[in-house]
C-alpha cells in the first residue's frame, strides 16, 4: 500500500509500506479520509518521543471495510484500543485503561495510509448520507464532547447560563465549542491568534471567534492548546467556583496560578481523549446534525501530506482541519 511515513523531524515520505494484516476480531479498512491532528504535528516537529520515526502517523480516520461479513460497510474509527477488563474499562472509563493503545503510536501504525486494521468494537457504522470526510471528524470532536460532558457535570450552574470560553481555534477547540452548543450553552467564545483562521471561524455558527486576551471572565474555560501561556490565560479569566478543562498537550509545565485557584475554589480537570461511549455519542451527533454542517475542513491528497504539514507549520492554513485522502 502507499502511506505517508514520518521519517524524521519535519520529514514525511510518501512511499510503499507493507499492507496491514487483520487478525481475529479485526477488520481491514480502506481509508478514505484521515485528519491531521495536533499530536501528528508534534511528532512531525520531533517533539513527541512516543512517536519515533519511522512511523505512519494519523488516527482521525474513516473508510470502508474490505472483505469478510462486513465488506463494504462505511465506518468511522475509534483509534483508542483498551483491554476491556481492567477497573477503568469496567467503570466505563476505558480511556484511562493502563494498557490503552492508539494507532499512530508503536506498535500500531496509523491511518495516513491506504489501509489500516482495527477491532470490530472500535468501528462505528456511518450512514450512507454522511460523507466520510465528516465522519473522520468523530475522533477530534469526541475529545471536545468528552471535555464538555465532564465540565458540565463539575460546573455549579447550567451550561445555558454559563459564560464559556475555548482557547484554540483548531479542530479540538472548534469541536469543544460545537459540543458546548449541543449541550445547551449559548454564550461561547473561541480565542484564536491567527487572523486567517479567525476569519474562517467567523463563518461557523454557534460561537464567536475572538483574539486572545479579549475575554476577561468565564465560568467554564476549555484549553485546547495546553501551553503555559494558555493555562495562564485560563487561570486569569476563570471566575470563582469556575471550571477549567484542559485538553491540550502542548507543554508539560507552567501557567497555573495555584494560589488563586485554591482561594477561589477553581476546579481544574485534565481530560484525555474520550470514552468509547463519548466517541459513539459524538459520532451520532455528527450524523444527526447536532454539531452543524461541519463544512470547515480542507481536503488534500495524501500524496501532498508533506506540504500540508509544512503549511500548517507556517500558519497559512485557514481551515481548522486538513483532511488527507489516500484515494485521491
Protein backbone atom coordinates (compact mmCIF):
# COMPACT_ATOMS: atom_id res chain seq x y z
CA UNK A 1 0.00 0.00 0.00
CA UNK A 2 1.01 3.65 -0.28
CA UNK A 3 1.49 5.50 3.00
CA UNK A 4 2.78 8.80 4.35
CA UNK A 5 5.66 7.79 6.61
CA UNK A 6 7.21 10.09 9.21
CA UNK A 7 10.95 9.60 8.72
CA UNK A 8 12.50 12.38 10.83
CA UNK A 9 11.99 15.92 12.10
CA UNK A 10 9.77 17.78 9.59
CA UNK A 11 10.20 14.96 7.07
CA UNK A 12 7.43 12.80 5.61
CA UNK A 13 7.90 10.31 2.79
CA UNK A 14 5.02 9.15 0.58
CA UNK A 15 6.04 5.61 -0.24
CA UNK A 16 5.09 1.96 -0.29
CA UNK A 17 4.65 0.18 3.06
CA UNK A 18 3.56 -3.37 3.95
CA UNK A 19 -0.18 -3.99 3.83
CA UNK A 20 -1.64 -4.49 7.33
CA UNK A 21 -2.97 -7.96 8.05
CA UNK A 22 -6.20 -8.24 10.09
CA UNK A 23 -6.22 -10.74 12.94
CA UNK A 24 -9.19 -12.48 14.55
CA UNK A 25 -11.78 -9.89 15.56
CA UNK A 26 -10.26 -7.20 13.35
CA UNK A 27 -11.31 -5.61 10.08
CA UNK A 28 -9.26 -4.28 7.20
CA UNK A 29 -10.38 -0.74 6.37
CA UNK A 30 -9.66 1.13 3.16
CA UNK A 31 -9.02 4.67 4.40
CA UNK A 32 -10.97 7.37 2.59
CA UNK A 33 -10.29 10.31 4.90
CA UNK A 34 -7.73 10.92 7.65
CA UNK A 35 -7.34 14.19 9.55
CA UNK A 36 -4.10 15.86 10.63
CA UNK A 37 -4.12 16.19 14.43
CA UNK A 38 -2.04 18.41 16.69
CA UNK A 39 -0.34 15.29 18.01
CA UNK A 40 0.68 14.42 14.45
CA UNK A 41 2.19 17.90 14.20
CA UNK A 42 4.06 17.42 17.49
CA UNK A 43 5.58 14.23 16.10
CA UNK A 44 6.39 15.93 12.78
CA UNK A 45 8.30 18.62 14.68
CA UNK A 46 10.22 16.00 16.66
CA UNK A 47 8.51 16.87 19.95
CA UNK A 48 6.85 13.53 20.71
CA UNK A 49 9.10 10.76 21.99
CA UNK A 50 6.10 8.42 21.93
CA UNK A 51 6.09 8.58 18.14
CA UNK A 52 9.62 7.77 16.93
CA UNK A 53 10.48 7.61 13.24
CA UNK A 54 9.89 5.75 11.04
CA UNK A 55 6.17 5.61 11.70
CA UNK A 56 2.86 6.01 9.88
CA UNK A 57 1.02 8.77 11.74
CA UNK A 58 -2.70 9.59 11.66
CA UNK A 59 -5.56 8.45 13.88
CA UNK A 60 -8.61 10.52 12.83
CA UNK A 61 -9.98 8.30 10.10
CA UNK A 62 -12.98 6.90 8.28
CA UNK A 63 -13.20 4.40 5.47
CA UNK A 64 -14.75 1.27 4.03
CA UNK A 65 -14.34 -2.28 5.34
CA UNK A 66 -12.71 -4.65 2.85
CA UNK A 67 -13.59 -8.36 2.95
CA UNK A 68 -15.40 -10.52 5.47
CA UNK A 69 -19.01 -10.34 6.61
CA UNK A 70 -18.92 -6.52 6.87
CA UNK A 71 -17.43 -5.97 3.41
CA UNK A 72 -18.39 -2.57 2.00
CA UNK A 73 -19.57 -1.11 5.31
CA UNK A 74 -18.72 2.57 5.78
CA UNK A 75 -17.19 3.20 9.21
CA UNK A 76 -15.50 5.80 11.35
CA UNK A 77 -12.68 4.53 13.54
CA UNK A 78 -12.24 4.91 17.27
CA UNK A 79 -8.44 4.62 17.31
CA UNK A 80 -8.13 4.03 21.07
CA UNK A 81 -7.89 0.34 21.95
CA UNK A 82 -8.31 -0.74 25.58
CA UNK A 83 -8.15 -4.08 27.38
CA UNK A 84 -11.86 -4.20 28.24
CA UNK A 85 -11.37 -5.90 31.61
CA UNK A 86 -9.46 -3.60 33.99
CA UNK A 87 -11.07 -1.39 36.64
CA UNK A 88 -11.10 1.65 34.34
CA UNK A 89 -12.71 -0.28 31.50
CA UNK A 90 -15.27 -1.85 33.83
CA UNK A 91 -16.20 1.65 35.07
CA UNK A 92 -16.73 2.94 31.51
CA UNK A 93 -13.53 4.99 31.66
CA UNK A 94 -11.68 2.93 29.06
CA UNK A 95 -9.68 5.99 28.01
CA UNK A 96 -7.77 5.53 31.30
CA UNK A 97 -7.00 1.85 30.70
CA UNK A 98 -3.35 1.16 31.68
CA UNK A 99 -2.99 -0.99 28.56
CA UNK A 100 -4.55 1.53 26.17
CA UNK A 101 -3.04 1.83 22.71
CA UNK A 102 -3.79 4.22 19.90
CA UNK A 103 -2.98 3.81 16.25
CA UNK A 104 -0.10 6.06 15.13
CA UNK A 105 1.92 5.06 18.21
CA UNK A 106 4.14 1.95 18.24
CA UNK A 107 3.34 -0.86 17.85
CA UNK A 108 0.23 0.32 15.97
CA UNK A 109 0.78 2.03 12.62
CA UNK A 110 -1.53 4.92 11.81
CA UNK A 111 -4.09 5.89 9.20
CA UNK A 112 -2.07 8.10 6.84
CA UNK A 113 -2.18 5.12 4.52
CA UNK A 114 -4.44 3.30 2.10
CA UNK A 115 -5.34 0.67 4.70
CA UNK A 116 -5.44 0.15 8.45
CA UNK A 117 -6.73 -2.63 10.70
CA UNK A 118 -8.97 -2.14 13.72
CA UNK A 119 -11.03 -4.20 16.16
CA UNK A 120 -14.71 -4.62 15.36
CA UNK A 121 -15.74 -2.94 18.62
CA UNK A 122 -13.91 0.26 17.60
CA UNK A 123 -15.84 0.74 14.38
CA UNK A 124 -18.98 2.87 14.17
CA UNK A 125 -21.17 2.46 11.10
CA UNK A 126 -21.62 5.66 9.07
CA UNK A 127 -25.00 6.32 7.39
CA UNK A 128 -24.88 6.45 3.60
CA UNK A 129 -25.85 10.12 3.51
CA UNK A 130 -22.91 11.23 5.70
CA UNK A 131 -19.66 11.96 3.80
CA UNK A 132 -16.67 10.08 5.17
CA UNK A 133 -14.73 13.36 5.32
CA UNK A 134 -17.21 14.43 8.01
CA UNK A 135 -17.25 11.02 9.70
CA UNK A 136 -13.45 11.28 10.10
CA UNK A 137 -14.08 14.21 12.45
CA UNK A 138 -15.59 11.88 15.05
CA UNK A 139 -12.23 11.46 16.79
CA UNK A 140 -11.33 15.13 17.36
CA UNK A 141 -14.97 16.06 18.05
CA UNK A 142 -15.19 13.26 20.62
CA UNK A 143 -12.31 14.91 22.53
CA UNK A 144 -14.36 18.09 22.90
CA UNK A 145 -17.53 16.13 23.63
CA UNK A 146 -15.78 14.29 26.48
CA UNK A 147 -14.41 17.53 27.95
CA UNK A 148 -17.77 19.29 27.79
CA UNK A 149 -19.56 16.35 29.39
CA UNK A 150 -17.13 16.34 32.31
CA UNK A 151 -17.07 20.13 32.57
CA UNK A 152 -20.85 20.42 32.63
CA UNK A 153 -21.01 17.85 35.45
CA UNK A 154 -18.43 19.79 37.51
CA UNK A 155 -19.96 23.24 36.97
CA UNK A 156 -22.33 24.60 39.62
CA UNK A 157 -24.74 26.20 37.13
CA UNK A 158 -26.43 25.04 33.92
CA UNK A 159 -24.44 25.46 30.72
CA UNK A 160 -27.27 27.61 29.36
CA UNK A 161 -26.38 30.22 31.98
CA UNK A 162 -22.59 29.85 31.82
CA UNK A 163 -20.07 32.03 30.05
CA UNK A 164 -17.95 29.51 28.15
CA UNK A 165 -14.56 30.24 26.63
CA UNK A 166 -12.47 27.93 24.44
CA UNK A 167 -8.76 28.54 23.89
CA UNK A 168 -7.56 27.43 20.46
CA UNK A 169 -9.33 27.51 17.10
CA UNK A 170 -8.11 24.19 15.74
CA UNK A 171 -10.40 21.20 15.37
CA UNK A 172 -10.19 20.36 19.08
CA UNK A 173 -11.25 23.85 20.09
CA UNK A 174 -13.93 24.10 17.40
CA UNK A 175 -15.21 20.66 18.38
CA UNK A 176 -15.40 21.71 22.02
CA UNK A 177 -17.31 24.86 21.07
CA UNK A 178 -19.77 22.90 18.94
CA UNK A 179 -20.19 20.35 21.74
CA UNK A 180 -20.90 23.18 24.18
CA UNK A 181 -23.65 24.37 21.89
CA UNK A 182 -25.06 20.85 21.56
CA UNK A 183 -25.08 20.54 25.37
CA UNK A 184 -27.08 23.77 25.70
CA UNK A 185 -24.51 26.56 26.09
CA UNK A 186 -25.44 29.88 24.49
CA UNK A 187 -22.52 32.16 25.43
CA UNK A 188 -19.44 30.71 23.71
CA UNK A 189 -16.23 32.40 22.59
CA UNK A 190 -13.22 30.81 20.89
CA UNK A 191 -9.81 32.50 21.13
CA UNK A 192 -7.59 32.12 18.07
CA UNK A 193 -4.40 34.18 17.49
CA UNK A 194 -4.10 33.50 13.74
CA UNK A 195 -6.17 36.15 11.92
CA UNK A 196 -6.51 33.96 8.82
CA UNK A 197 -8.05 31.13 10.82
CA UNK A 198 -10.07 33.51 12.99
CA UNK A 199 -11.74 34.85 9.86
CA UNK A 200 -12.60 31.28 8.86
CA UNK A 201 -14.05 30.60 12.31
CA UNK A 202 -16.34 33.61 11.90
CA UNK A 203 -18.20 31.59 9.26
CA UNK A 204 -19.15 28.85 11.74
CA UNK A 205 -22.44 29.29 13.58
CA UNK A 206 -22.72 28.78 17.33
CA UNK A 207 -19.83 30.76 18.78
CA UNK A 208 -17.86 33.99 18.45
CA UNK A 209 -14.22 33.90 17.33
CA UNK A 210 -12.09 36.42 19.24
CA UNK A 211 -8.50 37.50 19.64
CA UNK A 212 -6.73 36.07 22.70
CA UNK A 213 -6.89 38.46 25.63
CA UNK A 214 -10.28 39.97 24.77
CA UNK A 215 -12.30 37.80 27.18
CA UNK A 216 -11.97 38.81 30.84
CA UNK A 217 -14.38 36.46 32.63
CA UNK A 218 -15.68 32.94 32.13
CA UNK A 219 -17.43 30.26 34.18
CA UNK A 220 -16.02 27.43 32.08
CA UNK A 221 -12.75 27.51 30.15
CA UNK A 222 -11.61 24.74 27.82
CA UNK A 223 -7.91 24.86 26.93
CA UNK A 224 -7.48 23.03 23.65
CA UNK A 225 -3.84 24.10 23.28
CA UNK A 226 -2.10 23.28 26.55
CA UNK A 227 0.82 25.70 26.74
CA UNK A 228 1.93 27.59 29.84
CA UNK A 229 0.64 30.82 28.30
CA UNK A 230 -2.82 29.39 27.56
CA UNK A 231 -3.06 27.90 31.04
CA UNK A 232 -2.14 31.32 32.44
CA UNK A 233 -4.94 32.87 30.37
CA UNK A 234 -7.40 30.27 31.66
CA UNK A 235 -6.36 30.79 35.27
CA UNK A 236 -6.62 34.59 34.92
CA UNK A 237 -10.15 34.75 33.50
CA UNK A 238 -11.88 31.90 35.31
CA UNK A 239 -14.45 33.14 37.81
CA UNK A 240 -14.63 31.96 41.44
CA UNK A 241 -16.09 28.47 41.56
CA UNK A 242 -15.44 28.03 37.84
CA UNK A 243 -14.07 25.06 35.94
CA UNK A 244 -11.02 24.74 33.68
CA UNK A 245 -10.99 21.76 31.33
CA UNK A 246 -7.51 21.02 29.97
CA UNK A 247 -7.30 19.05 26.71
CA UNK A 248 -4.14 20.36 25.04
CA UNK A 249 -0.78 18.64 25.37
CA UNK A 250 1.41 21.42 24.02
CA UNK A 251 3.66 21.90 27.07
CA UNK A 252 4.01 19.95 30.30
CA UNK A 253 4.66 22.65 32.90
CA UNK A 254 3.80 26.19 33.99
CA UNK A 255 0.97 28.66 33.75
CA UNK A 256 -1.36 27.88 36.65
CA UNK A 257 -1.94 30.31 39.50
CA UNK A 258 -2.37 27.64 42.17
CA UNK A 259 -2.86 30.15 44.99
CA UNK A 260 -5.75 31.87 43.21
CA UNK A 261 -7.25 28.55 42.17
CA UNK A 262 -7.17 27.41 45.80
CA UNK A 263 -8.59 30.62 47.27
CA UNK A 264 -11.35 30.81 44.64
CA UNK A 265 -12.19 27.08 44.63
CA UNK A 266 -11.49 26.73 40.94
CA UNK A 267 -11.75 23.22 39.54
CA UNK A 268 -9.06 22.05 37.12
CA UNK A 269 -9.72 18.81 35.22
CA UNK A 270 -7.27 17.20 32.85
CA UNK A 271 -9.09 15.33 30.09
CA UNK A 272 -7.61 12.69 27.80
CA UNK A 273 -9.32 11.66 24.57
CA UNK A 274 -12.78 10.17 25.23
CA UNK A 275 -14.54 7.04 26.38
CA UNK A 276 -15.94 4.58 23.85
CA UNK A 277 -19.41 5.90 24.70
CA UNK A 278 -18.30 9.51 24.16
CA UNK A 279 -16.98 8.51 20.75
CA UNK A 280 -20.27 6.87 19.80
CA UNK A 281 -22.24 9.85 21.12
CA UNK A 282 -20.10 12.35 19.22
CA UNK A 283 -20.45 10.28 16.04
CA UNK A 284 -24.24 10.19 16.49
CA UNK A 285 -24.24 13.99 16.91
CA UNK A 286 -22.34 14.29 13.61
CA UNK A 287 -24.79 12.01 11.85
CA UNK A 288 -27.95 13.79 13.06
CA UNK A 289 -26.60 17.30 12.51
CA UNK A 290 -26.36 18.49 16.12
CA UNK A 291 -22.78 19.63 15.51
CA UNK A 292 -23.67 21.65 12.45
CA UNK A 293 -22.76 21.20 8.78
CA UNK A 294 -19.07 20.53 9.54
CA UNK A 295 -18.07 22.29 6.35
CA UNK A 296 -14.95 23.91 7.79
CA UNK A 297 -12.35 21.33 6.70
CA UNK A 298 -9.92 21.39 3.78
CA UNK A 299 -9.29 18.22 1.76
CA UNK A 300 -5.93 17.36 0.21
CA UNK A 301 -4.47 14.18 -1.31
CA UNK A 302 -2.36 12.02 0.99
CA UNK A 303 0.48 12.31 -1.53
CA UNK A 304 0.64 16.02 -0.66
CA UNK A 305 0.96 15.38 3.05
CA UNK A 306 4.43 16.89 3.42
CA UNK A 307 3.20 20.20 2.02
CA UNK A 308 0.07 20.10 4.18
CA UNK A 309 2.15 19.72 7.33
CA UNK A 310 4.51 22.48 6.19
CA UNK A 311 1.59 24.82 5.52
CA UNK A 312 0.12 24.18 8.96
CA UNK A 313 3.55 24.78 10.46
CA UNK A 314 3.79 28.11 8.57
CA UNK A 315 0.34 29.25 9.76
CA UNK A 316 -1.01 29.64 6.24
CA UNK A 317 -3.97 27.25 6.63
CA UNK A 318 -7.29 28.93 7.40
CA UNK A 319 -9.27 25.74 7.95
CA UNK A 320 -9.30 24.28 11.48
CA UNK A 321 -8.64 20.83 9.98
CA UNK A 322 -6.93 19.38 6.92
CA UNK A 323 -8.29 16.00 5.83
CA UNK A 324 -5.91 13.82 3.80
CA UNK A 325 -7.47 11.50 1.23
CA UNK A 326 -5.41 8.42 0.27
CA UNK A 327 -7.66 7.56 -2.66
CA UNK A 328 -7.46 10.95 -4.43
